[in-house]
């Protein structure tokens, strides 16, 4: 039900009391009316017996004389007696009298009842509820006829008593009792409601508000309660619980803050380690990138020396070779700038082209891959596959994956190493797949390769942080997803990124 308990409980008590009162009133009403009827029947019986005695005496002496009978019944008709009828044994009416107000409502004699009274010589009285009258039939001795011996002349006296006043008084008494009991119930319910409000519901309401604050994360709550009843103990337990939760929250906040600080420091350390490891690999790549230009410079120097020894070094030859040497040195300087820019930290996300990033990465790595006879197949769909994030960090992910594939191909001595880079643009996201033909990763450990410090390489050849950092960059920094699975004759790394919609993610 939607009714609050503080209203429902008093209402239930009131309705229960009202139901009990109605049942009790109904029972008491029936009892009261029965008692009223019985009392009036007894009074009518007394009046009837008195009248039959007096009428019998008067009849034996003087017969049925109307004036005498009227004088006998007049005192009683002034009270409740409305109608008097006297009949002989043949039920012929000898006398009748009724109050003037009831002459038009005279009640006829019941022949069957009259005959029964004559036969049994016992009076018969009943209460007529519909008319609110007591009707009585009494045997009465009448004057004996002359010349009759051992003969009893018995007639019937029919009396009608109006008990409407007594009925009204009984009704008023029942109503007054009902109203009194009703006022007592209302007073009790009101007093009970006040008592329950101050003893229970007021404190329950305070407890409810406190629990709401607690559910909203506000643990600094306290409910005041005095006394030693059960509810006070419950509130005290709640206060203790809230205090413990507040202390626990403060402790956990300190622990979480400390843990976040430690994780931040650890992440920075891992990033630094990853960068240092990448820098070591990049130095090797620089060496591969510079090997051919250095050979060209060495040939130019030897050529100049040879021309000088033979006396054929002219100004024109000198300028031509110097120009070539300067171009080679500028290209080598550009390579250094490319490596330096690659390791610059980025502070803001940007929208970059996937194909452009892959091209930049391969410009740094193509020499080392060519030396190992590894073919890299790049297929990126157009229009542009654009990703929103940190460009250099994402390039680091590609370098990590490509270097892992290169190392796996070298370790397993794959003669025709192949690496495939496939980029696709879908309706809601950009997908990038990098796969190789190095034989794959054992299924029992493929689920662990993204764990920190876990490596499948020989001791001393891997740090175990490259793939972990790649996962952090893709999933934490760029809201993407990276997965690894064995496919064909190698391993495939699948990355997905939500398509950029013009809002920062």
Protein backbone atom coordinates (compact mmCIF):
# COMPACT_ATOMS: atom_id res chain seq x y z
CA UNK A 1 0.00 0.00 0.00
CA UNK A 2 1.06 3.60 -0.58
CA UNK A 3 -0.10 4.83 2.87
CA UNK A 4 2.81 5.64 5.22
CA UNK A 5 3.06 3.44 8.30
CA UNK A 6 2.58 6.39 10.64
CA UNK A 7 -0.92 6.85 9.16
CA UNK A 8 -1.67 3.23 8.40
CA UNK A 9 -1.16 1.98 11.97
CA UNK A 10 -3.55 4.48 13.68
CA UNK A 11 -6.04 3.98 10.86
CA UNK A 12 -5.87 0.21 11.35
CA UNK A 13 -6.39 0.62 15.11
CA UNK A 14 -9.33 2.99 14.49
CA UNK A 15 -11.00 0.68 11.95
CA UNK A 16 -10.47 -2.33 14.20
CA UNK A 17 -11.98 -0.46 17.16
CA UNK A 18 -14.86 0.75 15.00
CA UNK A 19 -15.57 -2.79 13.78
CA UNK A 20 -15.53 -4.12 17.34
CA UNK A 21 -17.78 -1.23 18.43
CA UNK A 22 -20.28 -1.93 15.63
CA UNK A 23 -20.41 -5.62 16.48
CA UNK A 24 -20.74 -4.86 20.19
CA UNK A 25 -23.43 -2.23 19.49
CA UNK A 26 -25.37 -4.65 17.30
CA UNK A 27 -25.30 -7.33 20.00
CA UNK A 28 -26.13 -4.86 22.77
CA UNK A 29 -28.97 -3.40 20.70
CA UNK A 30 -30.60 -6.79 20.34
CA UNK A 31 -30.09 -7.52 24.02
CA UNK A 32 -31.42 -4.09 25.03
CA UNK A 33 -34.52 -4.43 22.88
CA UNK A 34 -35.13 -7.94 24.16
CA UNK A 35 -34.76 -6.73 27.75
CA UNK A 36 -37.02 -3.77 27.03
CA UNK A 37 -39.65 -6.06 25.49
CA UNK A 38 -39.40 -8.54 28.36
CA UNK A 39 -39.68 -5.76 30.94
CA UNK A 40 -42.76 -4.28 29.25
CA UNK A 41 -44.32 -7.73 28.90
CA UNK A 42 -43.85 -8.28 32.63
CA UNK A 43 -45.36 -4.88 33.43
CA UNK A 44 -48.26 -5.63 31.07
CA UNK A 45 -48.74 -8.98 32.75
CA UNK A 46 -48.98 -7.30 36.16
CA UNK A 47 -51.48 -4.74 34.86
CA UNK A 48 -53.48 -7.45 33.08
CA UNK A 49 -53.65 -9.68 36.20
CA UNK A 50 -54.82 -6.75 38.32
CA UNK A 51 -57.48 -5.75 35.81
CA UNK A 52 -58.78 -9.31 35.38
CA UNK A 53 -59.12 -9.65 39.17
CA UNK A 54 -61.02 -6.40 39.54
CA UNK A 55 -63.20 -6.95 36.48
CA UNK A 56 -64.02 -10.46 37.73
CA UNK A 57 -65.11 -9.10 41.13
CA UNK A 58 -67.14 -6.34 39.55
CA UNK A 59 -68.70 -8.70 37.01
CA UNK A 60 -69.78 -11.25 39.65
CA UNK A 61 -71.53 -8.53 41.60
CA UNK A 62 -73.01 -6.29 38.97
CA UNK A 63 -72.18 -7.86 35.61
CA UNK A 64 -70.39 -5.97 32.87
CA UNK A 65 -71.24 -2.37 33.55
CA UNK A 66 -69.38 -0.08 31.19
CA UNK A 67 -69.05 2.84 33.56
CA UNK A 68 -67.58 0.57 36.27
CA UNK A 69 -65.14 -1.04 33.89
CA UNK A 70 -64.04 2.37 32.56
CA UNK A 71 -63.38 3.57 36.08
CA UNK A 72 -61.29 0.47 36.74
CA UNK A 73 -59.09 0.76 33.63
CA UNK A 74 -58.78 4.56 33.48
CA UNK A 75 -55.72 4.79 35.81
CA UNK A 76 -53.82 2.34 33.61
CA UNK A 77 -54.83 3.89 30.32
CA UNK A 78 -53.27 7.12 31.43
CA UNK A 79 -49.87 5.38 31.33
CA UNK A 80 -49.20 2.87 28.53
CA UNK A 81 -52.48 0.99 28.12
CA UNK A 82 -54.03 1.96 24.79
CA UNK A 83 -56.83 -0.52 24.24
CA UNK A 84 -59.05 -2.83 26.38
CA UNK A 85 -61.48 -5.38 24.98
CA UNK A 86 -63.55 -7.94 26.90
CA UNK A 87 -65.09 -10.97 25.17
CA UNK A 88 -67.30 -13.74 26.48
CA UNK A 89 -66.62 -17.42 26.03
CA UNK A 90 -68.15 -17.31 22.59
CA UNK A 91 -65.83 -14.41 21.77
CA UNK A 92 -68.64 -11.92 21.58
CA UNK A 93 -67.39 -8.45 22.50
CA UNK A 94 -68.79 -7.28 25.84
CA UNK A 95 -66.68 -4.18 26.34
CA UNK A 96 -64.19 -2.11 24.37
CA UNK A 97 -62.31 1.09 25.04
CA UNK A 98 -59.28 2.76 23.49
CA UNK A 99 -57.56 6.11 23.69
CA UNK A 100 -59.03 8.70 21.38
CA UNK A 101 -55.67 9.13 19.64
CA UNK A 102 -55.62 5.44 18.68
CA UNK A 103 -59.25 4.82 17.77
CA UNK A 104 -58.40 4.67 14.09
CA UNK A 105 -55.62 2.15 14.79
CA UNK A 106 -57.42 -0.36 16.96
CA UNK A 107 -56.01 -3.87 16.91
CA UNK A 108 -58.37 -6.76 16.29
CA UNK A 109 -58.43 -9.79 18.52
CA UNK A 110 -56.63 -12.91 17.35
CA UNK A 111 -59.28 -15.65 17.45
CA UNK A 112 -56.81 -18.53 17.52
CA UNK A 113 -54.88 -17.04 20.42
CA UNK A 114 -58.14 -16.20 22.27
CA UNK A 115 -59.44 -19.76 21.96
CA UNK A 116 -56.13 -21.09 23.24
CA UNK A 117 -56.33 -18.81 26.30
CA UNK A 118 -59.92 -19.91 26.98
CA UNK A 119 -58.92 -23.54 26.69
CA UNK A 120 -55.73 -23.43 28.75
CA UNK A 121 -56.78 -20.66 31.14
CA UNK A 122 -53.31 -19.08 30.93
CA UNK A 123 -52.52 -15.57 29.87
CA UNK A 124 -50.64 -14.96 26.61
CA UNK A 125 -48.48 -11.88 25.93
CA UNK A 126 -46.22 -10.96 23.03
CA UNK A 127 -44.24 -7.95 21.77
CA UNK A 128 -45.08 -6.72 18.30
CA UNK A 129 -41.88 -5.10 17.01
CA UNK A 130 -43.43 -3.54 13.91
CA UNK A 131 -46.12 -1.63 15.81
CA UNK A 132 -44.11 -1.30 19.05
CA UNK A 133 -46.98 -2.66 21.15
CA UNK A 134 -47.30 -5.36 23.78
CA UNK A 135 -50.46 -7.39 23.16
CA UNK A 136 -51.90 -9.48 25.95
CA UNK A 137 -54.72 -12.05 26.24
CA UNK A 138 -55.96 -12.83 29.76
CA UNK A 139 -58.67 -15.25 30.96
CA UNK A 140 -61.26 -13.36 33.03
CA UNK A 141 -64.13 -14.73 35.14
CA UNK A 142 -67.48 -13.20 34.27
CA UNK A 143 -70.85 -13.21 36.03
CA UNK A 144 -72.42 -16.74 36.21
CA UNK A 145 -75.76 -17.05 34.54
CA UNK A 146 -78.80 -17.62 36.80
CA UNK A 147 -79.93 -21.19 37.13
CA UNK A 148 -76.53 -22.62 36.11
CA UNK A 149 -74.97 -25.01 38.62
CA UNK A 150 -71.22 -25.79 38.71
CA UNK A 151 -70.65 -23.57 35.77
CA UNK A 152 -67.73 -21.16 35.25
CA UNK A 153 -68.30 -18.33 32.85
CA UNK A 154 -64.82 -17.40 31.50
CA UNK A 155 -64.17 -14.71 28.95
CA UNK A 156 -61.06 -13.13 27.37
CA UNK A 157 -59.63 -9.70 28.05
CA UNK A 158 -57.63 -8.27 25.19
CA UNK A 159 -55.12 -5.57 26.21
CA UNK A 160 -52.85 -3.45 23.96
CA UNK A 161 -49.96 -1.50 25.55
CA UNK A 162 -48.06 1.21 23.65
CA UNK A 163 -44.32 0.83 24.37
CA UNK A 164 -43.04 3.22 21.65
CA UNK A 165 -41.64 5.60 24.27
CA UNK A 166 -39.74 2.79 25.92
CA UNK A 167 -38.52 1.74 22.47
CA UNK A 168 -37.33 5.30 21.72
CA UNK A 169 -35.62 5.55 25.08
CA UNK A 170 -33.87 2.26 24.43
CA UNK A 171 -32.76 3.51 20.99
CA UNK A 172 -31.45 6.76 22.47
CA UNK A 173 -29.66 4.84 25.18
CA UNK A 174 -28.01 2.59 22.58
CA UNK A 175 -27.06 5.63 20.44
CA UNK A 176 -25.66 7.50 23.44
CA UNK A 177 -23.63 4.46 24.40
CA UNK A 178 -22.37 4.11 20.84
CA UNK A 179 -21.36 7.79 20.69
CA UNK A 180 -19.67 7.52 24.09
CA UNK A 181 -17.74 4.43 23.02
CA UNK A 182 -16.92 6.11 19.71
CA UNK A 183 -15.52 9.17 21.48
CA UNK A 184 -13.50 6.86 23.73
CA UNK A 185 -12.08 5.05 20.67
CA UNK A 186 -11.24 8.32 18.90
CA UNK A 187 -9.56 9.63 22.04
CA UNK A 188 -7.62 6.39 22.44
CA UNK A 189 -6.55 6.37 18.78
CA UNK A 190 -5.49 10.02 18.97
CA UNK A 191 -3.56 9.39 22.16
CA UNK A 192 -2.08 6.22 20.66
CA UNK A 193 -1.09 8.12 17.50
CA UNK A 194 0.63 10.87 19.50
CA UNK A 195 2.38 8.29 21.63
CA UNK A 196 3.51 6.29 18.59
CA UNK A 197 4.64 9.45 16.81
CA UNK A 198 6.90 10.64 19.61
CA UNK A 199 8.07 7.19 20.68
CA UNK A 200 8.43 5.50 17.27
CA UNK A 201 7.62 7.35 14.06
CA UNK A 202 9.50 10.56 14.79
CA UNK A 203 12.65 8.56 15.44
CA UNK A 204 11.94 6.25 12.50
CA UNK A 205 11.60 9.30 10.24
CA UNK A 206 14.96 10.62 11.46
CA UNK A 207 16.45 7.16 10.92
CA UNK A 208 14.96 7.02 7.40
CA UNK A 209 16.46 10.41 6.45
CA UNK A 210 19.82 9.29 7.84
CA UNK A 211 19.74 6.08 5.78
CA UNK A 212 18.93 8.11 2.65
CA UNK A 213 21.98 10.29 3.26
CA UNK A 214 23.99 7.13 3.86
CA UNK A 215 22.82 5.65 0.54
CA UNK A 216 23.85 8.88 -1.21
CA UNK A 217 27.38 8.50 0.13
CA UNK A 218 27.13 10.93 3.05
CA UNK A 219 28.47 8.86 5.95
CA UNK A 220 28.67 11.79 8.40
CA UNK A 221 25.22 11.15 9.93
CA UNK A 222 23.95 10.76 13.48
CA UNK A 223 20.44 10.11 14.83
CA UNK A 224 19.64 11.34 18.34
CA UNK A 225 17.58 9.05 20.55
CA UNK A 226 17.01 8.86 24.30
CA UNK A 227 15.76 6.00 26.39
CA UNK A 228 16.48 2.31 26.66
CA UNK A 229 13.79 0.75 24.45
CA UNK A 230 14.43 -1.54 21.49
CA UNK A 231 14.26 1.26 18.91
CA UNK A 232 16.89 3.22 20.83
CA UNK A 233 19.19 0.19 20.63
CA UNK A 234 18.53 -0.06 16.87
CA UNK A 235 19.36 3.65 16.40
CA UNK A 236 22.50 3.26 18.52
CA UNK A 237 23.56 0.33 16.33
CA UNK A 238 22.90 2.44 13.21
CA UNK A 239 24.98 5.32 14.59
CA UNK A 240 27.84 2.94 15.35
CA UNK A 241 27.57 1.47 11.86
CA UNK A 242 27.56 4.94 10.27
CA UNK A 243 30.61 5.94 12.31
CA UNK A 244 32.44 2.78 11.29
CA UNK A 245 31.51 3.35 7.63
CA UNK A 246 32.72 6.95 7.84
CA UNK A 247 36.03 5.80 9.34
CA UNK A 248 36.26 3.05 6.74
CA UNK A 249 35.52 5.54 3.95
CA UNK A 250 38.23 7.92 5.16
CA UNK A 251 40.67 5.03 5.48
CA UNK A 252 39.77 3.71 2.03
CA UNK A 253 40.08 7.18 0.49
CA UNK A 254 43.58 7.42 1.92
CA UNK A 255 44.41 3.93 0.66
CA UNK A 256 42.93 4.63 -2.78
CA UNK A 257 44.78 7.94 -3.01
CA UNK A 258 47.98 6.21 -1.99
CA UNK A 259 47.34 3.34 -4.42
CA UNK A 260 46.59 5.77 -7.27
CA UNK A 261 49.75 7.68 -6.48
CA UNK A 262 51.74 4.46 -6.48
CA UNK A 263 50.11 3.34 -9.72
CA UNK A 264 50.83 6.72 -11.32
CA UNK A 265 54.45 6.44 -10.29
CA UNK A 266 54.58 2.85 -11.48
CA UNK A 267 52.96 3.82 -14.79
CA UNK A 268 55.50 6.61 -15.25
CA UNK A 269 58.28 4.15 -14.48
CA UNK A 270 56.85 1.62 -16.93
CA UNK A 271 56.52 4.27 -19.61
CA UNK A 272 60.09 5.36 -18.97
CA UNK A 273 61.28 1.75 -19.14
CA UNK A 274 59.29 1.22 -22.31
CA UNK A 275 60.76 4.34 -23.87
CA UNK A 276 64.27 3.35 -22.86
CA UNK A 277 63.73 -0.08 -24.38
CA UNK A 278 62.34 1.54 -27.51
CA UNK A 279 65.24 3.94 -27.63
CA UNK A 280 67.64 1.00 -27.54
CA UNK A 281 65.83 -0.54 -30.47
CA UNK A 282 65.71 2.83 -32.21
CA UNK A 283 69.47 3.21 -31.91
CA UNK A 284 69.75 -0.05 -33.82
CA UNK A 285 67.33 1.31 -36.39
CA UNK A 286 69.37 4.51 -36.67
CA UNK A 287 72.43 2.38 -37.27
CA UNK A 288 70.64 0.59 -40.10
CA UNK A 289 69.38 3.91 -41.52
CA UNK A 290 72.88 5.45 -41.39
CA UNK A 291 74.87 2.47 -42.65
CA UNK A 292 74.33 3.20 -46.36
CA UNK A 293 74.83 7.01 -46.08
CA UNK A 294 78.04 6.45 -44.09
CA UNK A 295 79.31 4.07 -46.78
CA UNK A 296 78.52 6.74 -49.38
CA UNK A 297 80.42 9.37 -47.36
CA UNK A 298 83.37 7.02 -47.02
CA UNK A 299 83.43 6.50 -50.79
CA UNK A 300 83.35 10.28 -51.40
CA UNK A 301 86.25 10.83 -49.01
CA UNK A 302 88.27 8.03 -50.63
CA UNK A 303 87.45 9.49 -54.07
CA UNK A 304 88.73 12.93 -53.06
CA UNK A 305 91.88 11.39 -51.55
CA UNK A 306 92.51 9.39 -54.74
CA UNK A 307 92.05 12.43 -56.99
CA UNK A 308 94.36 14.43 -54.72
CA UNK A 309 97.12 11.77 -54.83
CA UNK A 310 96.99 11.67 -58.62
CA UNK A 311 96.97 15.44 -58.89
CA UNK A 312 93.61 15.45 -60.59
CA UNK A 313 91.62 17.15 -57.77
CA UNK A 314 90.09 20.19 -59.40
CA UNK A 315 87.87 22.84 -57.93
CA UNK A 316 84.90 21.47 -59.87
CA UNK A 317 85.38 17.88 -58.57
CA UNK A 318 85.82 19.23 -55.04
CA UNK A 319 82.57 21.25 -55.14
CA UNK A 320 80.64 18.35 -56.72
CA UNK A 321 81.67 15.85 -54.02
CA UNK A 322 81.23 18.34 -51.18
CA UNK A 323 77.68 19.03 -52.39
CA UNK A 324 76.91 15.29 -52.44
CA UNK A 325 78.40 14.88 -48.95
CA UNK A 326 76.30 17.79 -47.60
CA UNK A 327 73.11 16.21 -49.05
CA UNK A 328 73.95 12.87 -47.43
CA UNK A 329 74.61 14.57 -44.06
CA UNK A 330 71.35 16.55 -44.31
CA UNK A 331 69.44 13.31 -44.94
CA UNK A 332 71.11 11.75 -41.90
CA UNK A 333 70.20 14.84 -39.83
CA UNK A 334 66.58 14.54 -41.01
CA UNK A 335 66.58 10.93 -39.81
CA UNK A 336 67.76 12.09 -36.35
CA UNK A 337 65.02 14.75 -36.27
CA UNK A 338 62.42 12.12 -37.17
CA UNK A 339 63.57 9.89 -34.29
CA UNK A 340 63.72 12.84 -31.88
CA UNK A 341 60.19 14.04 -32.80
CA UNK A 342 58.91 10.53 -32.38
CA UNK A 343 59.91 10.48 -28.69
CA UNK A 344 58.48 13.92 -27.84
CA UNK A 345 55.71 13.62 -25.19
CA UNK A 346 52.22 14.75 -26.27
CA UNK A 347 49.92 16.73 -23.99
CA UNK A 348 46.75 16.88 -26.08
CA UNK A 349 44.84 14.45 -28.23
CA UNK A 350 44.52 15.09 -31.94
CA UNK A 351 42.81 13.63 -34.97
CA UNK A 352 45.42 11.80 -37.08
CA UNK A 353 45.41 9.61 -40.19
CA UNK A 354 46.17 5.93 -39.64
CA UNK A 355 47.94 5.53 -43.00
CA UNK A 356 50.18 8.51 -42.28
CA UNK A 357 51.25 7.12 -38.90
CA UNK A 358 52.03 3.70 -40.37
CA UNK A 359 54.07 5.36 -43.16
CA UNK A 360 56.05 7.41 -40.59
CA UNK A 361 56.78 4.29 -38.54
CA UNK A 362 57.92 2.29 -41.57
CA UNK A 363 60.24 5.11 -42.64
CA UNK A 364 62.09 4.50 -39.37
CA UNK A 365 62.03 0.70 -39.49
CA UNK A 366 62.21 -0.23 -43.17
CA UNK A 367 66.02 -0.53 -43.20
CA UNK A 368 66.11 -3.00 -40.29
CA UNK A 369 63.27 -5.05 -41.82
CA UNK A 370 64.99 -5.07 -45.20
CA UNK A 371 68.22 -6.30 -43.58
CA UNK A 372 66.32 -9.25 -42.05
CA UNK A 373 64.58 -9.95 -45.37
CA UNK A 374 61.14 -9.34 -43.86
CA UNK A 375 58.42 -8.13 -46.21
CA UNK A 376 55.83 -5.71 -44.83
CA UNK A 377 52.47 -5.55 -46.65
CA UNK A 378 50.45 -2.40 -45.90
CA UNK A 379 46.79 -2.17 -46.92
CA UNK A 380 44.82 0.72 -45.48
CA UNK A 381 41.47 1.60 -47.01
CA UNK A 382 40.49 4.99 -48.28
CA UNK A 383 38.86 7.38 -47.50
CA UNK A 384 41.14 8.22 -44.65
CA UNK A 385 40.98 6.03 -41.55
CA UNK A 386 41.18 8.70 -38.86
CA UNK A 387 41.71 8.07 -35.13
CA UNK A 388 41.39 10.50 -32.24
CA UNK A 389 44.17 10.22 -29.63
CA UNK A 390 47.90 10.62 -29.00
CA UNK A 391 49.69 10.17 -32.30
CA UNK A 392 53.20 9.42 -30.98
CA UNK A 393 51.89 6.99 -28.34
CA UNK A 394 49.92 5.12 -30.98
CA UNK A 395 53.03 5.02 -33.21
CA UNK A 396 54.86 3.47 -30.24
CA UNK A 397 52.18 0.71 -30.13
CA UNK A 398 52.74 -0.07 -33.83
CA UNK A 399 56.52 -0.12 -33.34
CA UNK A 400 56.16 -2.51 -30.36
CA UNK A 401 54.00 -4.91 -32.35
CA UNK A 402 56.22 -4.76 -35.46
CA UNK A 403 59.41 -5.28 -33.43
CA UNK A 404 57.82 -8.26 -31.62
CA UNK A 405 56.94 -9.81 -34.98
CA UNK A 406 60.47 -9.13 -36.31
CA UNK A 407 62.06 -10.74 -33.22
CA UNK A 408 59.72 -13.77 -33.45
CA UNK A 409 60.56 -14.25 -37.16
CA UNK A 410 64.29 -14.06 -36.39
CA UNK A 411 64.12 -16.44 -33.42
CA UNK A 412 62.25 -19.05 -35.46
CA UNK A 413 64.48 -18.51 -38.54
CA UNK A 414 61.57 -17.91 -40.90
CA UNK A 415 63.18 -17.55 -44.34
CA UNK A 416 60.40 -15.53 -45.96
CA UNK A 417 59.10 -13.41 -43.11
CA UNK A 418 55.88 -11.54 -43.74
CA UNK A 419 54.06 -8.90 -41.73
CA UNK A 420 50.64 -7.64 -42.75
CA UNK A 421 49.17 -4.27 -41.70
CA UNK A 422 45.49 -3.90 -42.63
CA UNK A 423 43.33 -0.87 -41.78
CA UNK A 424 39.58 -0.74 -42.36
CA UNK A 425 36.93 1.89 -41.88
CA UNK A 426 33.58 0.60 -40.60
CA UNK A 427 30.34 2.48 -39.86
CA UNK A 428 31.06 3.01 -36.20
CA UNK A 429 34.77 2.33 -35.76
CA UNK A 430 38.25 2.05 -37.28
CA UNK A 431 39.97 -1.36 -37.18
CA UNK A 432 43.70 -2.12 -37.49
CA UNK A 433 45.11 -5.67 -37.79
CA UNK A 434 48.83 -6.49 -37.56
CA UNK A 435 49.71 -10.14 -38.21
CA UNK A 436 52.79 -12.22 -39.06
CA UNK A 437 53.79 -15.75 -40.08
CA UNK A 438 56.06 -16.50 -37.11
CA UNK A 439 54.10 -19.54 -35.91
CA UNK A 440 51.87 -17.87 -33.27
CA UNK A 441 51.81 -18.00 -29.47
CA UNK A 442 50.99 -21.12 -27.39
CA UNK A 443 47.29 -21.07 -26.47
CA UNK A 444 48.02 -21.67 -22.77
CA UNK A 445 49.87 -18.35 -22.46
CA UNK A 446 48.24 -16.13 -25.08
CA UNK A 447 45.85 -14.70 -22.46
CA UNK A 448 48.82 -13.50 -20.37
CA UNK A 449 50.89 -11.66 -22.95
CA UNK A 450 49.41 -8.26 -21.94
CA UNK A 451 50.42 -8.71 -18.28
CA UNK A 452 53.28 -6.48 -17.05
CA UNK A 453 56.75 -8.07 -17.04
CA UNK A 454 55.47 -11.18 -18.78
CA UNK A 455 57.54 -12.04 -21.86
CA UNK A 456 57.87 -15.00 -24.22
CA UNK A 457 61.38 -13.96 -25.26
CA UNK A 458 64.61 -15.44 -23.95
CA UNK A 459 66.02 -13.99 -20.75
CA UNK A 460 67.78 -10.72 -21.39
CA UNK A 461 66.01 -10.12 -24.71
CA UNK A 462 62.65 -8.83 -23.46
CA UNK A 463 61.37 -6.55 -20.68
CA UNK A 464 57.76 -7.76 -20.65
CA UNK A 465 56.35 -4.24 -20.67
CA UNK A 466 55.94 -3.55 -24.40
CA UNK A 467 52.56 -5.24 -24.84
CA UNK A 468 51.38 -4.10 -21.41
CA UNK A 469 52.13 -0.47 -22.31
CA UNK A 470 50.52 -0.98 -25.73
CA UNK A 471 47.30 -2.18 -24.04
CA UNK A 472 47.34 0.80 -21.65
CA UNK A 473 47.84 3.26 -24.52
CA UNK A 474 45.09 1.74 -26.69
CA UNK A 475 42.46 1.06 -24.01
CA UNK A 476 43.12 3.61 -21.24
CA UNK A 477 44.43 6.59 -23.20
CA UNK A 478 42.52 6.21 -26.49
CA UNK A 479 39.34 4.36 -25.43
CA UNK A 480 40.05 1.57 -27.90
CA UNK A 481 40.42 -2.17 -27.61
CA UNK A 482 43.31 -4.54 -28.42
CA UNK A 483 43.16 -8.34 -28.66
CA UNK A 484 45.55 -11.11 -29.70
CA UNK A 485 44.74 -14.43 -31.34
CA UNK A 486 46.46 -17.09 -33.36
CA UNK A 487 45.43 -16.90 -37.02
CA UNK A 488 46.83 -18.87 -39.94
CA UNK A 489 50.54 -19.48 -39.41
CA UNK A 490 51.14 -16.66 -36.95
CA UNK A 491 49.66 -14.26 -34.42
CA UNK A 492 47.26 -11.42 -35.22
CA UNK A 493 46.71 -8.29 -33.10
CA UNK A 494 43.31 -6.68 -33.64
CA UNK A 495 42.70 -3.07 -32.56
CA UNK A 496 39.43 -1.11 -32.79
CA UNK A 497 38.72 2.58 -32.15
CA UNK A 498 35.44 4.44 -32.13
CA UNK A 499 34.96 6.60 -35.18
CA UNK A 500 35.60 10.27 -34.42
CA UNK A 501 32.30 12.23 -34.29
CA UNK A 502 33.66 15.69 -33.57
CA UNK A 503 33.59 15.34 -29.74
CA UNK A 504 36.38 14.43 -27.39
CA UNK A 505 36.00 10.92 -25.96
